[in-house]
Amino acid sequence: MEFKQMFAASAVTLASIGGLAVPSTALAASQDECAIWICLPGGFPSGCGAAHSAMMDRIKDRKSPLPSFGSCAVKEEGHSEMSYNYSVAAYIPARQVCTKQHWWGDSDNCSQWETAPSHYVKGTRCQNDDNGWYPEGCTRTYRFVDVFVDGVLAGDTYYW
């Protein structure tokens, strides 16, 4: 079973026994919005289309990507707490970087190149100033969400 499917199955189990239940009294969040808490850490696997649409609608309406956890969970003693971090990240695609330089006459030459993998720099926008792009090599700014269960990262970071 693939990680995302295992996480989604675990999250549904957690939801049914561990306190992530939509209260019967009406609160600000809908069931689809509350499902974002379960579906996002697994990358919105099969069956999570409505939750993904709800998140995109929240973002389009200039709201945070997730509703407050308190509007989705019935607070009970001893049950897990969920939280999230939502911010921007500069994307740096895979690129060739010089790993060994040598001088030849009046010039600096590279004698060894390696491929640096693509990655994100969380909390930073990709920006251009008089010295070029910062962070170096970035091409675009994305947004991201990390979901935490009891302070521990749950699943992969979700970028868009």
N, C-alpha and C. Protein backbone atom coordinates (compact mmCIF):
# COMPACT_ATOMS: atom_id res chain seq x y z
N MET A 1 0.85 -1.18 0.00
CA MET A 1 0.00 0.00 0.00
C MET A 1 0.89 1.24 0.00
N GLU A 2 0.61 2.16 -0.85
CA GLU A 2 1.36 3.40 -0.99
C GLU A 2 1.19 4.28 0.25
N PHE A 3 2.23 5.11 0.58
CA PHE A 3 2.22 5.95 1.78
C PHE A 3 0.95 6.80 1.88
N LYS A 4 0.58 7.46 0.80
CA LYS A 4 -0.57 8.36 0.85
C LYS A 4 -1.84 7.60 1.20
N GLN A 5 -2.02 6.39 0.66
CA GLN A 5 -3.20 5.60 0.98
C GLN A 5 -3.15 5.13 2.43
N MET A 6 -1.95 4.73 2.89
CA MET A 6 -1.82 4.30 4.28
C MET A 6 -2.11 5.46 5.22
N PHE A 7 -1.61 6.66 4.89
CA PHE A 7 -1.85 7.81 5.75
C PHE A 7 -3.32 8.15 5.79
N ALA A 8 -3.98 8.14 4.63
CA ALA A 8 -5.41 8.46 4.58
C ALA A 8 -6.21 7.44 5.39
N ALA A 9 -5.87 6.15 5.27
CA ALA A 9 -6.57 5.13 6.04
C ALA A 9 -6.34 5.34 7.53
N SER A 10 -5.11 5.66 7.92
CA SER A 10 -4.79 5.92 9.32
C SER A 10 -5.52 7.15 9.83
N ALA A 11 -5.60 8.17 9.01
CA ALA A 11 -6.27 9.41 9.41
C ALA A 11 -7.75 9.18 9.61
N VAL A 12 -8.37 8.38 8.74
CA VAL A 12 -9.79 8.08 8.89
C VAL A 12 -10.02 7.31 10.18
N THR A 13 -9.12 6.36 10.49
CA THR A 13 -9.22 5.62 11.74
C THR A 13 -9.07 6.57 12.92
N LEU A 14 -8.06 7.45 12.86
CA LEU A 14 -7.84 8.43 13.91
C LEU A 14 -9.08 9.30 14.09
N ALA A 15 -9.67 9.70 12.98
CA ALA A 15 -10.84 10.56 13.05
C ALA A 15 -12.00 9.85 13.72
N SER A 16 -12.17 8.57 13.42
CA SER A 16 -13.33 7.88 13.96
C SER A 16 -13.18 7.53 15.43
N ILE A 17 -11.93 7.31 15.91
CA ILE A 17 -11.75 6.94 17.31
C ILE A 17 -11.06 8.01 18.14
N GLY A 18 -10.43 8.98 17.47
CA GLY A 18 -9.55 9.86 18.23
C GLY A 18 -9.95 11.31 18.34
N GLY A 19 -11.15 11.67 18.07
CA GLY A 19 -11.56 13.01 18.39
C GLY A 19 -11.69 13.97 17.23
N LEU A 20 -11.38 13.59 15.99
CA LEU A 20 -11.62 14.51 14.88
C LEU A 20 -13.00 14.16 14.34
N ALA A 21 -13.98 14.77 14.94
CA ALA A 21 -15.36 14.51 14.55
C ALA A 21 -16.04 15.84 14.38
N VAL A 22 -16.87 15.94 13.39
CA VAL A 22 -17.59 17.18 13.18
C VAL A 22 -18.70 17.26 14.21
N PRO A 23 -18.69 18.28 15.03
CA PRO A 23 -19.71 18.41 16.07
C PRO A 23 -21.10 18.54 15.45
N SER A 24 -22.11 18.12 16.21
CA SER A 24 -23.47 18.20 15.69
C SER A 24 -23.97 19.64 15.68
N THR A 25 -23.42 20.50 16.54
CA THR A 25 -23.81 21.90 16.50
C THR A 25 -23.07 22.58 15.37
N ALA A 26 -23.72 23.54 14.74
CA ALA A 26 -23.13 24.20 13.57
C ALA A 26 -21.99 25.11 14.00
N LEU A 27 -20.83 24.90 13.41
CA LEU A 27 -19.68 25.77 13.61
C LEU A 27 -19.31 26.35 12.25
N ALA A 28 -18.26 27.14 12.21
CA ALA A 28 -17.87 27.85 11.00
C ALA A 28 -17.45 26.92 9.86
N ALA A 29 -16.87 25.77 10.16
CA ALA A 29 -16.31 24.92 9.12
C ALA A 29 -17.32 23.87 8.63
N SER A 30 -17.28 23.60 7.34
CA SER A 30 -18.12 22.55 6.76
C SER A 30 -17.41 21.20 6.88
N GLN A 31 -18.12 20.12 6.57
CA GLN A 31 -17.49 18.80 6.61
C GLN A 31 -16.35 18.72 5.60
N ASP A 32 -16.55 19.30 4.40
CA ASP A 32 -15.49 19.28 3.39
C ASP A 32 -14.27 20.05 3.88
N GLU A 33 -14.49 21.19 4.55
CA GLU A 33 -13.36 21.96 5.09
C GLU A 33 -12.66 21.19 6.20
N CYS A 34 -13.41 20.53 7.05
CA CYS A 34 -12.79 19.74 8.12
C CYS A 34 -12.00 18.56 7.55
N ALA A 35 -12.46 18.02 6.44
CA ALA A 35 -11.76 16.89 5.81
C ALA A 35 -10.38 17.30 5.30
N ILE A 36 -10.14 18.59 5.12
CA ILE A 36 -8.82 19.05 4.70
C ILE A 36 -7.77 18.59 5.71
N TRP A 37 -8.10 18.64 7.00
CA TRP A 37 -7.16 18.23 8.05
C TRP A 37 -6.70 16.79 7.85
N ILE A 38 -7.58 15.94 7.38
CA ILE A 38 -7.25 14.52 7.19
C ILE A 38 -6.59 14.28 5.85
N CYS A 39 -7.06 14.95 4.81
CA CYS A 39 -6.61 14.67 3.45
C CYS A 39 -5.31 15.35 3.05
N LEU A 40 -5.06 16.55 3.54
CA LEU A 40 -3.88 17.31 3.10
C LEU A 40 -2.56 16.61 3.39
N PRO A 41 -2.33 16.05 4.59
CA PRO A 41 -1.03 15.40 4.83
C PRO A 41 -0.75 14.22 3.91
N GLY A 42 -1.78 13.61 3.36
CA GLY A 42 -1.59 12.51 2.43
C GLY A 42 -1.55 12.96 0.99
N GLY A 43 -1.56 14.26 0.75
CA GLY A 43 -1.50 14.78 -0.62
C GLY A 43 -2.83 14.68 -1.34
N PHE A 44 -3.95 14.68 -0.61
CA PHE A 44 -5.29 14.57 -1.18
C PHE A 44 -5.44 13.30 -2.02
N PRO A 45 -5.35 12.14 -1.37
CA PRO A 45 -5.50 10.88 -2.11
C PRO A 45 -6.94 10.69 -2.59
N SER A 46 -7.19 9.61 -3.28
CA SER A 46 -8.51 9.29 -3.81
C SER A 46 -9.56 9.42 -2.71
N GLY A 47 -10.68 10.03 -3.04
CA GLY A 47 -11.74 10.24 -2.07
C GLY A 47 -11.67 11.58 -1.37
N CYS A 48 -10.66 12.37 -1.69
CA CYS A 48 -10.46 13.66 -1.02
C CYS A 48 -10.68 14.85 -1.96
N GLY A 49 -11.35 14.62 -3.08
CA GLY A 49 -11.58 15.70 -4.04
C GLY A 49 -12.35 16.87 -3.45
N ALA A 50 -13.38 16.57 -2.65
CA ALA A 50 -14.18 17.65 -2.06
C ALA A 50 -13.35 18.47 -1.07
N ALA A 51 -12.48 17.79 -0.32
CA ALA A 51 -11.62 18.51 0.63
C ALA A 51 -10.63 19.40 -0.12
N HIS A 52 -10.08 18.90 -1.22
CA HIS A 52 -9.15 19.70 -2.02
C HIS A 52 -9.86 20.92 -2.59
N SER A 53 -11.06 20.74 -3.11
CA SER A 53 -11.85 21.86 -3.64
C SER A 53 -12.16 22.87 -2.54
N ALA A 54 -12.49 22.37 -1.34
CA ALA A 54 -12.78 23.27 -0.22
C ALA A 54 -11.56 24.09 0.14
N MET A 55 -10.36 23.48 0.12
CA MET A 55 -9.14 24.22 0.43
C MET A 55 -8.89 25.29 -0.63
N MET A 56 -9.03 24.93 -1.90
CA MET A 56 -8.80 25.90 -2.97
C MET A 56 -9.81 27.05 -2.88
N ASP A 57 -11.06 26.75 -2.52
CA ASP A 57 -12.06 27.80 -2.35
C ASP A 57 -11.67 28.73 -1.20
N ARG A 58 -11.18 28.17 -0.10
CA ARG A 58 -10.76 29.00 1.03
C ARG A 58 -9.62 29.93 0.61
N ILE A 59 -8.66 29.40 -0.13
CA ILE A 59 -7.53 30.22 -0.58
C ILE A 59 -8.01 31.31 -1.53
N LYS A 60 -8.89 30.93 -2.46
CA LYS A 60 -9.43 31.92 -3.41
C LYS A 60 -10.17 33.04 -2.68
N ASP A 61 -10.82 32.69 -1.57
CA ASP A 61 -11.55 33.68 -0.77
C ASP A 61 -10.64 34.39 0.22
N ARG A 62 -9.31 34.22 0.07
CA ARG A 62 -8.30 34.86 0.90
C ARG A 62 -8.40 34.47 2.38
N LYS A 63 -8.77 33.21 2.61
CA LYS A 63 -8.78 32.64 3.95
C LYS A 63 -7.55 31.75 4.09
N SER A 64 -7.26 31.33 5.31
CA SER A 64 -6.19 30.35 5.50
C SER A 64 -6.62 29.04 4.84
N PRO A 65 -5.67 28.18 4.45
CA PRO A 65 -6.04 26.97 3.74
C PRO A 65 -6.85 25.97 4.56
N LEU A 66 -6.74 26.01 5.87
CA LEU A 66 -7.50 25.11 6.74
C LEU A 66 -8.33 25.92 7.73
N PRO A 67 -9.50 25.39 8.10
CA PRO A 67 -10.26 26.06 9.16
C PRO A 67 -9.56 25.80 10.50
N SER A 68 -9.98 26.49 11.54
CA SER A 68 -9.38 26.20 12.84
C SER A 68 -9.71 24.77 13.23
N PHE A 69 -8.76 24.10 13.85
CA PHE A 69 -8.99 22.71 14.25
C PHE A 69 -10.13 22.63 15.25
N GLY A 70 -10.24 23.64 16.09
CA GLY A 70 -11.30 23.66 17.09
C GLY A 70 -12.70 23.68 16.50
N SER A 71 -12.84 24.20 15.28
CA SER A 71 -14.16 24.22 14.65
C SER A 71 -14.51 22.88 14.03
N CYS A 72 -13.56 21.94 14.03
CA CYS A 72 -13.79 20.62 13.44
C CYS A 72 -13.76 19.49 14.46
N ALA A 73 -13.12 19.69 15.58
CA ALA A 73 -12.91 18.60 16.53
C ALA A 73 -13.71 18.80 17.79
N VAL A 74 -14.15 17.69 18.34
CA VAL A 74 -14.76 17.70 19.66
C VAL A 74 -13.62 17.52 20.65
N LYS A 75 -13.40 18.51 21.48
CA LYS A 75 -12.28 18.49 22.43
C LYS A 75 -12.57 17.51 23.55
N GLU A 76 -11.72 16.51 23.66
CA GLU A 76 -11.83 15.54 24.73
C GLU A 76 -10.46 15.35 25.36
N GLU A 77 -10.45 15.05 26.63
CA GLU A 77 -9.22 14.84 27.37
C GLU A 77 -8.42 13.68 26.77
N GLY A 78 -7.12 13.90 26.55
CA GLY A 78 -6.24 12.83 26.09
C GLY A 78 -6.22 12.61 24.58
N HIS A 79 -6.93 13.39 23.81
CA HIS A 79 -6.93 13.20 22.35
C HIS A 79 -5.91 14.12 21.70
N SER A 80 -5.52 13.75 20.50
CA SER A 80 -4.50 14.49 19.76
C SER A 80 -4.96 15.89 19.39
N GLU A 81 -3.98 16.78 19.26
CA GLU A 81 -4.21 18.14 18.77
C GLU A 81 -3.55 18.27 17.41
N MET A 82 -4.21 18.94 16.50
CA MET A 82 -3.65 19.18 15.18
C MET A 82 -3.43 20.67 14.98
N SER A 83 -2.37 21.01 14.25
CA SER A 83 -2.05 22.40 13.94
C SER A 83 -1.42 22.43 12.55
N TYR A 84 -1.16 23.63 12.05
CA TYR A 84 -0.54 23.73 10.73
C TYR A 84 0.32 24.97 10.63
N ASN A 85 1.24 24.94 9.65
CA ASN A 85 2.08 26.08 9.31
C ASN A 85 1.80 26.39 7.85
N TYR A 86 1.47 27.63 7.56
CA TYR A 86 1.11 28.06 6.21
C TYR A 86 1.95 29.29 5.87
N SER A 87 2.71 29.21 4.76
CA SER A 87 3.56 30.33 4.39
C SER A 87 3.96 30.23 2.92
N VAL A 88 5.00 30.98 2.55
CA VAL A 88 5.53 30.97 1.19
C VAL A 88 6.85 30.20 1.17
N ALA A 89 7.24 29.78 -0.04
CA ALA A 89 8.52 29.08 -0.21
C ALA A 89 9.07 29.39 -1.59
N ALA A 90 10.35 29.69 -1.65
CA ALA A 90 11.03 29.91 -2.94
C ALA A 90 11.41 28.55 -3.52
N TYR A 91 11.08 28.34 -4.79
CA TYR A 91 11.41 27.08 -5.46
C TYR A 91 12.70 27.24 -6.25
N ILE A 92 13.61 26.29 -6.03
CA ILE A 92 14.89 26.26 -6.75
C ILE A 92 14.95 24.94 -7.50
N PRO A 93 14.85 24.98 -8.85
CA PRO A 93 14.87 23.73 -9.62
C PRO A 93 16.27 23.09 -9.61
N ALA A 94 16.31 21.83 -10.01
CA ALA A 94 17.61 21.14 -10.12
C ALA A 94 18.50 21.94 -11.07
N ARG A 95 19.77 22.01 -10.73
CA ARG A 95 20.70 22.79 -11.57
C ARG A 95 22.12 22.30 -11.36
N GLN A 96 22.98 22.63 -12.29
CA GLN A 96 24.39 22.29 -12.22
C GLN A 96 25.11 23.33 -11.37
N VAL A 97 25.91 22.86 -10.42
CA VAL A 97 26.71 23.76 -9.58
C VAL A 97 28.17 23.31 -9.62
N CYS A 98 29.05 24.29 -9.59
CA CYS A 98 30.49 24.01 -9.61
C CYS A 98 30.92 23.56 -8.21
N THR A 99 31.58 22.41 -8.14
CA THR A 99 32.04 21.90 -6.85
C THR A 99 33.56 21.93 -6.71
N LYS A 100 34.27 22.24 -7.81
CA LYS A 100 35.73 22.32 -7.74
C LYS A 100 36.20 23.36 -8.75
N GLN A 101 36.84 24.41 -8.23
CA GLN A 101 37.34 25.48 -9.10
C GLN A 101 38.87 25.49 -9.07
N HIS A 102 39.43 25.99 -10.16
CA HIS A 102 40.88 26.19 -10.20
C HIS A 102 41.17 27.44 -11.06
N TRP A 103 42.29 28.04 -10.77
CA TRP A 103 42.72 29.23 -11.52
C TRP A 103 43.59 28.79 -12.68
N TRP A 104 43.36 29.39 -13.83
CA TRP A 104 44.19 29.15 -15.01
C TRP A 104 44.49 30.52 -15.61
N GLY A 105 45.68 30.97 -15.41
CA GLY A 105 46.03 32.31 -15.86
C GLY A 105 45.28 33.34 -15.04
N ASP A 106 44.53 34.20 -15.74
CA ASP A 106 43.76 35.24 -15.07
C ASP A 106 42.30 34.86 -14.88
N SER A 107 41.94 33.61 -15.15
CA SER A 107 40.52 33.25 -15.06
C SER A 107 40.28 32.12 -14.06
N ASP A 108 39.09 32.13 -13.54
CA ASP A 108 38.62 31.12 -12.59
C ASP A 108 37.81 30.10 -13.39
N ASN A 109 38.22 28.84 -13.39
CA ASN A 109 37.55 27.80 -14.17
C ASN A 109 37.00 26.73 -13.25
N CYS A 110 35.91 26.13 -13.68
CA CYS A 110 35.32 25.04 -12.92
C CYS A 110 35.78 23.73 -13.54
N SER A 111 36.27 22.83 -12.70
CA SER A 111 36.74 21.55 -13.21
C SER A 111 35.82 20.39 -12.79
N GLN A 112 34.85 20.68 -11.94
CA GLN A 112 33.93 19.62 -11.52
C GLN A 112 32.55 20.20 -11.28
N TRP A 113 31.54 19.57 -11.86
CA TRP A 113 30.15 20.00 -11.73
C TRP A 113 29.32 18.87 -11.13
N GLU A 114 28.31 19.24 -10.36
CA GLU A 114 27.36 18.27 -9.83
C GLU A 114 25.97 18.84 -9.97
N THR A 115 24.98 17.95 -10.00
CA THR A 115 23.59 18.39 -10.08
C THR A 115 23.04 18.55 -8.67
N ALA A 116 22.65 19.74 -8.34
CA ALA A 116 21.98 20.00 -7.06
C ALA A 116 20.50 19.71 -7.27
N PRO A 117 19.87 18.94 -6.39
CA PRO A 117 18.46 18.59 -6.59
C PRO A 117 17.54 19.80 -6.39
N SER A 118 16.35 19.72 -6.96
CA SER A 118 15.37 20.78 -6.76
C SER A 118 14.96 20.79 -5.29
N HIS A 119 14.62 21.97 -4.79
CA HIS A 119 14.18 22.09 -3.41
C HIS A 119 13.46 23.42 -3.19
N TYR A 120 12.83 23.54 -2.04
CA TYR A 120 12.14 24.75 -1.64
C TYR A 120 12.85 25.37 -0.44
N VAL A 121 12.79 26.68 -0.35
CA VAL A 121 13.29 27.39 0.83
C VAL A 121 12.06 28.00 1.49
N LYS A 122 11.61 27.35 2.56
CA LYS A 122 10.39 27.78 3.25
C LYS A 122 10.59 29.14 3.92
N GLY A 123 9.53 29.93 3.91
CA GLY A 123 9.55 31.22 4.57
C GLY A 123 10.22 32.32 3.78
N THR A 124 10.55 32.05 2.51
CA THR A 124 11.26 33.02 1.67
C THR A 124 10.57 33.13 0.32
N ARG A 125 10.44 34.35 -0.17
CA ARG A 125 9.92 34.58 -1.52
C ARG A 125 11.08 34.59 -2.51
N CYS A 126 10.83 34.17 -3.73
CA CYS A 126 11.80 34.29 -4.81
C CYS A 126 11.74 35.74 -5.28
N GLN A 127 12.86 36.44 -5.21
CA GLN A 127 12.86 37.86 -5.57
C GLN A 127 14.13 38.23 -6.32
N ASN A 128 14.00 39.26 -7.12
CA ASN A 128 15.12 39.74 -7.92
C ASN A 128 15.53 41.12 -7.42
N ASP A 129 16.82 41.28 -7.16
CA ASP A 129 17.34 42.60 -6.79
C ASP A 129 18.52 42.93 -7.69
N ASP A 130 19.28 43.94 -7.37
CA ASP A 130 20.42 44.36 -8.20
C ASP A 130 21.49 43.28 -8.36
N ASN A 131 21.55 42.33 -7.45
CA ASN A 131 22.56 41.28 -7.49
C ASN A 131 22.06 39.97 -8.12
N GLY A 132 20.83 39.97 -8.62
CA GLY A 132 20.27 38.75 -9.21
C GLY A 132 19.15 38.18 -8.35
N TRP A 133 18.85 36.90 -8.57
CA TRP A 133 17.74 36.25 -7.87
C TRP A 133 18.16 35.80 -6.49
N TYR A 134 17.25 35.98 -5.55
CA TYR A 134 17.46 35.51 -4.18
C TYR A 134 16.26 34.70 -3.75
N PRO A 135 16.44 33.53 -3.14
CA PRO A 135 17.70 32.83 -3.02
C PRO A 135 18.26 32.43 -4.39
N GLU A 136 19.55 32.26 -4.45
CA GLU A 136 20.23 31.99 -5.71
C GLU A 136 19.60 30.79 -6.43
N GLY A 137 19.26 30.99 -7.70
CA GLY A 137 18.71 29.93 -8.53
C GLY A 137 17.20 29.78 -8.46
N CYS A 138 16.53 30.55 -7.62
CA CYS A 138 15.08 30.39 -7.51
C CYS A 138 14.39 30.86 -8.78
N THR A 139 13.23 30.27 -9.04
CA THR A 139 12.48 30.62 -10.24
C THR A 139 11.04 31.02 -9.96
N ARG A 140 10.53 30.71 -8.76
CA ARG A 140 9.12 30.98 -8.49
C ARG A 140 8.85 30.91 -6.99
N THR A 141 7.84 31.64 -6.56
CA THR A 141 7.38 31.55 -5.17
C THR A 141 6.11 30.71 -5.13
N TYR A 142 6.08 29.74 -4.26
CA TYR A 142 4.91 28.90 -4.03
C TYR A 142 4.39 29.16 -2.62
N ARG A 143 3.23 28.63 -2.33
CA ARG A 143 2.70 28.60 -0.97
C ARG A 143 2.77 27.15 -0.50
N PHE A 144 2.81 26.96 0.82
CA PHE A 144 2.85 25.61 1.35
C PHE A 144 2.08 25.51 2.65
N VAL A 145 1.73 24.28 2.99
CA VAL A 145 1.11 23.97 4.28
C VAL A 145 1.76 22.71 4.82
N ASP A 146 2.12 22.75 6.09
CA ASP A 146 2.56 21.57 6.84
C ASP A 146 1.49 21.33 7.91
N VAL A 147 1.07 20.09 8.08
CA VAL A 147 0.10 19.72 9.11
C VAL A 147 0.83 18.93 10.18
N PHE A 148 0.52 19.22 11.44
CA PHE A 148 1.17 18.58 12.58
C PHE A 148 0.13 17.90 13.46
N VAL A 149 0.46 16.73 13.97
CA VAL A 149 -0.34 16.04 14.97
C VAL A 149 0.50 16.00 16.24
N ASP A 150 0.01 16.65 17.27
CA ASP A 150 0.75 16.76 18.53
C ASP A 150 2.17 17.28 18.31
N GLY A 151 2.32 18.25 17.41
CA GLY A 151 3.60 18.89 17.16
C GLY A 151 4.53 18.15 16.23
N VAL A 152 4.11 16.99 15.71
CA VAL A 152 4.95 16.18 14.82
C VAL A 152 4.39 16.29 13.40
N LEU A 153 5.26 16.56 12.43
CA LEU A 153 4.83 16.69 11.03
C LEU A 153 4.09 15.44 10.59
N ALA A 154 2.91 15.62 10.00
CA ALA A 154 2.09 14.51 9.51
C ALA A 154 2.11 14.54 7.99
N GLY A 155 2.74 13.58 7.36
CA GLY A 155 2.78 13.53 5.91
C GLY A 155 3.79 14.51 5.33
N ASP A 156 3.68 14.68 4.02
CA ASP A 156 4.59 15.56 3.30
C ASP A 156 4.05 16.99 3.28
N THR A 157 4.96 17.94 3.08
CA THR A 157 4.56 19.32 2.88
C THR A 157 3.76 19.40 1.58
N TYR A 158 2.67 20.17 1.59
CA TYR A 158 1.84 20.34 0.41
C TYR A 158 2.13 21.72 -0.18
N TYR A 159 2.60 21.73 -1.45
CA TYR A 159 2.95 22.98 -2.15
C TYR A 159 1.95 23.24 -3.27
N TRP A 160 1.67 24.51 -3.53
CA TRP A 160 0.86 24.90 -4.69
C TRP A 160 1.23 26.29 -5.14
